[in-house]
């Protein structure tokens, strides 16, 4: 895994170095930026997918664990210590899962990452095909507007992530 990550980072570094050596005018640089934004889209989607999977796993633990705990409690009349231990352990797991889900807000993180990826892709397609606000512009104007829009969307995403972090910190201080 580490070797793959290192190789991937080396490939990205090589790509950036090669791009830096190209004698590009503004329009060419913006074309490269637009194509590189496909990697940004993929990154946000990967992050969103990972957060959704983690959120769904914790929700599965919370829901199924709660049902099993209540069933084990109803089945145990107090005489079986194995049932008591299993019930207590599972109940603790459900509680920890609920706490982790509430603290890290995986669903919210996944939703905002997916929304940002979708919005960047929408603008990518619109600039490529001269749709909506990109209609009637020459290529250079479209590329400049696209780059500005993507940078604004990325900044909004950073702010949303920061708000999630700050709300978590605020929750810690108030507890």
C-alpha atoms as a PDB file:
ATOM      1  CA  UNK A   1       0.000   0.000   0.000  1.00  0.00           C
ATOM      2  CA  UNK A   2       2.796   2.404   0.922  1.00  0.00           C
ATOM      3  CA  UNK A   3       4.657   1.570  -2.294  1.00  0.00           C
ATOM      4  CA  UNK A   4       1.556   2.326  -4.375  1.00  0.00           C
ATOM      5  CA  UNK A   5       0.999   5.618  -2.567  1.00  0.00           C
ATOM      6  CA  UNK A   6       4.630   6.599  -3.061  1.00  0.00           C
ATOM      7  CA  UNK A   7       4.508   5.659  -6.741  1.00  0.00           C
ATOM      8  CA  UNK A   8       1.300   7.655  -7.180  1.00  0.00           C
ATOM      9  CA  UNK A   9       2.800  10.726  -5.516  1.00  0.00           C
ATOM     10  CA  UNK A  10       5.957  10.381  -7.627  1.00  0.00           C
ATOM     11  CA  UNK A  11       3.838  10.198 -10.784  1.00  0.00           C
ATOM     12  CA  UNK A  12       1.937  13.322  -9.755  1.00  0.00           C
ATOM     13  CA  UNK A  13       5.215  15.108  -9.036  1.00  0.00           C
ATOM     14  CA  UNK A  14       6.594  14.074 -12.438  1.00  0.00           C
ATOM     15  CA  UNK A  15       3.412  15.303 -14.130  1.00  0.00           C
ATOM     16  CA  UNK A  16       3.588  18.656 -12.357  1.00  0.00           C
ATOM     17  CA  UNK A  17       7.286  19.029 -13.150  1.00  0.00           C
ATOM     18  CA  UNK A  18       6.673  18.275 -16.824  1.00  0.00           C
ATOM     19  CA  UNK A  19       3.807  20.764 -16.904  1.00  0.00           C
ATOM     20  CA  UNK A  20       5.973  23.431 -15.282  1.00  0.00           C
ATOM     21  CA  UNK A  21       8.594  23.068 -17.999  1.00  0.00           C
ATOM     22  CA  UNK A  22       6.136  23.625 -20.845  1.00  0.00           C
ATOM     23  CA  UNK A  23       6.175  27.111 -22.332  1.00  0.00           C
ATOM     24  CA  UNK A  24       2.505  27.887 -21.873  1.00  0.00           C
ATOM     25  CA  UNK A  25       0.510  30.985 -22.550  1.00  0.00           C
ATOM     26  CA  UNK A  26      -2.422  31.837 -20.288  1.00  0.00           C
ATOM     27  CA  UNK A  27      -4.978  29.957 -22.379  1.00  0.00           C
ATOM     28  CA  UNK A  28      -2.839  26.814 -22.474  1.00  0.00           C
ATOM     29  CA  UNK A  29      -2.301  26.967 -18.721  1.00  0.00           C
ATOM     30  CA  UNK A  30      -6.019  27.352 -18.186  1.00  0.00           C
ATOM     31  CA  UNK A  31      -6.706  24.369 -20.463  1.00  0.00           C
ATOM     32  CA  UNK A  32      -4.315  22.310 -18.330  1.00  0.00           C
ATOM     33  CA  UNK A  33      -6.096  23.619 -15.218  1.00  0.00           C
ATOM     34  CA  UNK A  34      -9.487  22.605 -16.615  1.00  0.00           C
ATOM     35  CA  UNK A  35      -8.272  19.094 -17.378  1.00  0.00           C
ATOM     36  CA  UNK A  36      -6.558  18.827 -13.986  1.00  0.00           C
ATOM     37  CA  UNK A  37      -9.862  19.697 -12.352  1.00  0.00           C
ATOM     38  CA  UNK A  38     -11.039  16.211 -13.350  1.00  0.00           C
ATOM     39  CA  UNK A  39      -8.586  14.923 -10.713  1.00  0.00           C
ATOM     40  CA  UNK A  40     -10.133  17.320  -8.187  1.00  0.00           C
ATOM     41  CA  UNK A  41     -13.588  15.980  -9.030  1.00  0.00           C
ATOM     42  CA  UNK A  42     -12.352  12.419  -8.583  1.00  0.00           C
ATOM     43  CA  UNK A  43     -10.730  13.317  -5.269  1.00  0.00           C
ATOM     44  CA  UNK A  44     -13.925  14.841  -3.883  1.00  0.00           C
ATOM     45  CA  UNK A  45     -15.977  11.861  -5.074  1.00  0.00           C
ATOM     46  CA  UNK A  46     -13.542   9.388  -3.534  1.00  0.00           C
ATOM     47  CA  UNK A  47     -13.689  11.274  -0.243  1.00  0.00           C
ATOM     48  CA  UNK A  48     -17.494  11.406  -0.406  1.00  0.00           C
ATOM     49  CA  UNK A  49     -17.732   7.696  -1.108  1.00  0.00           C
ATOM     50  CA  UNK A  50     -15.391   6.841   1.772  1.00  0.00           C
ATOM     51  CA  UNK A  51     -17.351   9.030   4.185  1.00  0.00           C
ATOM     52  CA  UNK A  52     -20.648   7.476   3.070  1.00  0.00           C
ATOM     53  CA  UNK A  53     -19.272   3.963   3.564  1.00  0.00           C
ATOM     54  CA  UNK A  54     -18.004   4.802   7.056  1.00  0.00           C
ATOM     55  CA  UNK A  55     -21.287   6.492   7.959  1.00  0.00           C
ATOM     56  CA  UNK A  56     -23.321   3.532   6.683  1.00  0.00           C
ATOM     57  CA  UNK A  57     -21.139   1.069   8.615  1.00  0.00           C
ATOM     58  CA  UNK A  58     -21.649   2.957  11.861  1.00  0.00           C
ATOM     59  CA  UNK A  59     -25.382   3.270  11.189  1.00  0.00           C
ATOM     60  CA  UNK A  60     -25.562  -0.478  10.595  1.00  0.00           C
ATOM     61  CA  UNK A  61     -23.819  -1.092  13.924  1.00  0.00           C
ATOM     62  CA  UNK A  62     -26.122   1.346  15.725  1.00  0.00           C
ATOM     63  CA  UNK A  63     -29.374   0.035  14.252  1.00  0.00           C
ATOM     64  CA  UNK A  64     -28.666  -3.687  14.310  1.00  0.00           C
ATOM     65  CA  UNK A  65     -26.824  -3.458  17.632  1.00  0.00           C
ATOM     66  CA  UNK A  66     -29.760  -1.678  19.256  1.00  0.00           C
ATOM     67  CA  UNK A  67     -32.148  -4.359  18.060  1.00  0.00           C
ATOM     68  CA  UNK A  68     -29.900  -7.191  19.215  1.00  0.00           C
ATOM     69  CA  UNK A  69     -29.280  -5.542  22.608  1.00  0.00           C
ATOM     70  CA  UNK A  70     -32.997  -5.166  23.258  1.00  0.00           C
ATOM     71  CA  UNK A  71     -33.600  -8.761  22.152  1.00  0.00           C
ATOM     72  CA  UNK A  72     -30.795 -10.119  24.359  1.00  0.00           C
ATOM     73  CA  UNK A  73     -32.074  -8.090  27.287  1.00  0.00           C
ATOM     74  CA  UNK A  74     -35.588  -9.478  26.836  1.00  0.00           C
ATOM     75  CA  UNK A  75     -34.262 -13.035  26.519  1.00  0.00           C
ATOM     76  CA  UNK A  76     -32.063 -12.832  29.608  1.00  0.00           C
ATOM     77  CA  UNK A  77     -33.904 -13.178  32.871  1.00  0.00           C
ATOM     78  CA  UNK A  78     -30.803 -12.216  34.814  1.00  0.00           C
ATOM     79  CA  UNK A  79     -29.479 -15.721  35.337  1.00  0.00           C
ATOM     80  CA  UNK A  80     -27.181 -16.047  32.309  1.00  0.00           C
ATOM     81  CA  UNK A  81     -23.922 -14.129  32.773  1.00  0.00           C
ATOM     82  CA  UNK A  82     -22.859 -14.755  29.140  1.00  0.00           C
ATOM     83  CA  UNK A  83     -25.973 -12.935  27.936  1.00  0.00           C
ATOM     84  CA  UNK A  84     -25.287 -10.110  30.380  1.00  0.00           C
ATOM     85  CA  UNK A  85     -21.703  -9.704  29.167  1.00  0.00           C
ATOM     86  CA  UNK A  86     -22.709  -9.879  25.499  1.00  0.00           C
ATOM     87  CA  UNK A  87     -25.501  -7.362  26.087  1.00  0.00           C
ATOM     88  CA  UNK A  88     -23.221  -4.944  27.928  1.00  0.00           C
ATOM     89  CA  UNK A  89     -20.473  -5.219  25.312  1.00  0.00           C
ATOM     90  CA  UNK A  90     -22.825  -4.741  22.412  1.00  0.00           C
ATOM     91  CA  UNK A  91     -24.535  -1.853  24.172  1.00  0.00           C
ATOM     92  CA  UNK A  92     -21.149  -0.160  24.663  1.00  0.00           C
ATOM     93  CA  UNK A  93     -20.327  -0.698  20.963  1.00  0.00           C
ATOM     94  CA  UNK A  94     -23.623   0.912  19.959  1.00  0.00           C
ATOM     95  CA  UNK A  95     -22.940   3.879  22.234  1.00  0.00           C
ATOM     96  CA  UNK A  96     -19.406   4.368  20.936  1.00  0.00           C
ATOM     97  CA  UNK A  97     -20.608   4.108  17.336  1.00  0.00           C
ATOM     98  CA  UNK A  98     -23.296   6.725  17.940  1.00  0.00           C
ATOM     99  CA  UNK A  99     -20.728   9.012  19.546  1.00  0.00           C
ATOM    100  CA  UNK A 100     -18.215   8.614  16.727  1.00  0.00           C
ATOM    101  CA  UNK A 101     -20.895   9.243  14.104  1.00  0.00           C
ATOM    102  CA  UNK A 102     -22.066  12.385  15.874  1.00  0.00           C
ATOM    103  CA  UNK A 103     -18.547  13.657  16.470  1.00  0.00           C
ATOM    104  CA  UNK A 104     -17.013  13.127  13.037  1.00  0.00           C
ATOM    105  CA  UNK A 105     -20.186  13.812  10.989  1.00  0.00           C
ATOM    106  CA  UNK A 106     -19.289  11.423   8.186  1.00  0.00           C
ATOM    107  CA  UNK A 107     -22.614  11.887   6.404  1.00  0.00           C
ATOM    108  CA  UNK A 108     -22.290  15.669   6.272  1.00  0.00           C
ATOM    109  CA  UNK A 109     -18.701  15.415   5.054  1.00  0.00           C
ATOM    110  CA  UNK A 110     -19.714  12.980   2.325  1.00  0.00           C
ATOM    111  CA  UNK A 111     -22.647  15.107   1.233  1.00  0.00           C
ATOM    112  CA  UNK A 112     -20.624  18.312   0.936  1.00  0.00           C
ATOM    113  CA  UNK A 113     -17.777  16.579  -0.922  1.00  0.00           C
ATOM    114  CA  UNK A 114     -20.210  15.012  -3.392  1.00  0.00           C
ATOM    115  CA  UNK A 115     -22.009  18.324  -3.920  1.00  0.00           C
ATOM    116  CA  UNK A 116     -18.720  20.096  -4.636  1.00  0.00           C
ATOM    117  CA  UNK A 117     -17.646  17.384  -7.094  1.00  0.00           C
ATOM    118  CA  UNK A 118     -21.005  17.586  -8.860  1.00  0.00           C
ATOM    119  CA  UNK A 119     -20.862  21.375  -9.092  1.00  0.00           C
ATOM    120  CA  UNK A 120     -17.314  21.354 -10.488  1.00  0.00           C
ATOM    121  CA  UNK A 121     -18.304  18.703 -13.040  1.00  0.00           C
ATOM    122  CA  UNK A 122     -21.367  20.725 -14.042  1.00  0.00           C
ATOM    123  CA  UNK A 123     -19.145  23.747 -14.682  1.00  0.00           C
ATOM    124  CA  UNK A 124     -16.583  21.602 -16.504  1.00  0.00           C
ATOM    125  CA  UNK A 125     -19.253  20.385 -18.918  1.00  0.00           C
ATOM    126  CA  UNK A 126     -20.803  23.834 -19.268  1.00  0.00           C
ATOM    127  CA  UNK A 127     -17.444  25.410 -20.134  1.00  0.00           C
ATOM    128  CA  UNK A 128     -16.590  22.582 -22.511  1.00  0.00           C
ATOM    129  CA  UNK A 129     -19.880  22.828 -24.414  1.00  0.00           C
ATOM    130  CA  UNK A 130     -20.509  26.570 -23.998  1.00  0.00           C
ATOM    131  CA  UNK A 131     -23.644  26.153 -21.904  1.00  0.00           C
ATOM    132  CA  UNK A 132     -25.374  28.435 -19.396  1.00  0.00           C
ATOM    133  CA  UNK A 133     -23.085  31.218 -18.171  1.00  0.00           C
ATOM    134  CA  UNK A 134     -20.322  30.081 -20.554  1.00  0.00           C
ATOM    135  CA  UNK A 135     -22.457  30.655 -23.633  1.00  0.00           C
ATOM    136  CA  UNK A 136     -21.277  33.256 -26.113  1.00  0.00           C
ATOM    137  CA  UNK A 137     -17.739  33.559 -24.734  1.00  0.00           C
ATOM    138  CA  UNK A 138     -14.507  32.896 -26.510  1.00  0.00           C
ATOM    139  CA  UNK A 139     -12.351  30.070 -25.189  1.00  0.00           C
ATOM    140  CA  UNK A 140     -10.058  32.255 -23.105  1.00  0.00           C
ATOM    141  CA  UNK A 141     -12.995  33.945 -21.338  1.00  0.00           C
ATOM    142  CA  UNK A 142     -14.642  30.569 -20.694  1.00  0.00           C
ATOM    143  CA  UNK A 143     -11.426  29.168 -19.228  1.00  0.00           C
ATOM    144  CA  UNK A 144     -10.904  32.188 -16.984  1.00  0.00           C
ATOM    145  CA  UNK A 145     -14.485  32.033 -15.721  1.00  0.00           C
ATOM    146  CA  UNK A 146     -14.196  28.272 -15.207  1.00  0.00           C
ATOM    147  CA  UNK A 147     -10.968  28.594 -13.190  1.00  0.00           C
ATOM    148  CA  UNK A 148     -12.515  31.330 -11.042  1.00  0.00           C
ATOM    149  CA  UNK A 149     -15.643  29.266 -10.449  1.00  0.00           C
ATOM    150  CA  UNK A 150     -13.697  26.137  -9.512  1.00  0.00           C
ATOM    151  CA  UNK A 151     -11.478  28.077  -7.114  1.00  0.00           C
ATOM    152  CA  UNK A 152     -14.586  29.593  -5.505  1.00  0.00           C
ATOM    153  CA  UNK A 153     -16.180  26.138  -5.155  1.00  0.00           C
ATOM    154  CA  UNK A 154     -13.012  24.689  -3.632  1.00  0.00           C
ATOM    155  CA  UNK A 155     -12.846  27.586  -1.159  1.00  0.00           C
ATOM    156  CA  UNK A 156     -16.501  27.080  -0.204  1.00  0.00           C
ATOM    157  CA  UNK A 157     -15.763  23.388   0.375  1.00  0.00           C
ATOM    158  CA  UNK A 158     -12.788  24.257   2.595  1.00  0.00           C
ATOM    159  CA  UNK A 159     -15.031  26.601   4.594  1.00  0.00           C
ATOM    160  CA  UNK A 160     -17.701  23.922   5.018  1.00  0.00           C
ATOM    161  CA  UNK A 161     -15.068  21.448   6.222  1.00  0.00           C
ATOM    162  CA  UNK A 162     -13.715  24.052   8.623  1.00  0.00           C
ATOM    163  CA  UNK A 163     -17.230  24.704   9.949  1.00  0.00           C
ATOM    164  CA  UNK A 164     -17.644  20.973  10.612  1.00  0.00           C
ATOM    165  CA  UNK A 165     -14.338  20.956  12.485  1.00  0.00           C
ATOM    166  CA  UNK A 166     -15.282  24.053  14.475  1.00  0.00           C
ATOM    167  CA  UNK A 167     -18.703  22.695  15.373  1.00  0.00           C
ATOM    168  CA  UNK A 168     -16.989  19.561  16.679  1.00  0.00           C
ATOM    169  CA  UNK A 169     -14.604  21.678  18.762  1.00  0.00           C
ATOM    170  CA  UNK A 170     -17.493  23.780  20.056  1.00  0.00           C
ATOM    171  CA  UNK A 171     -19.359  20.607  21.024  1.00  0.00           C
ATOM    172  CA  UNK A 172     -16.287  19.423  22.960  1.00  0.00           C
ATOM    173  CA  UNK A 173     -16.004  22.687  24.907  1.00  0.00           C
ATOM    174  CA  UNK A 174     -19.697  22.743  25.827  1.00  0.00           C
ATOM    175  CA  UNK A 175     -19.677  19.151  27.076  1.00  0.00           C
END
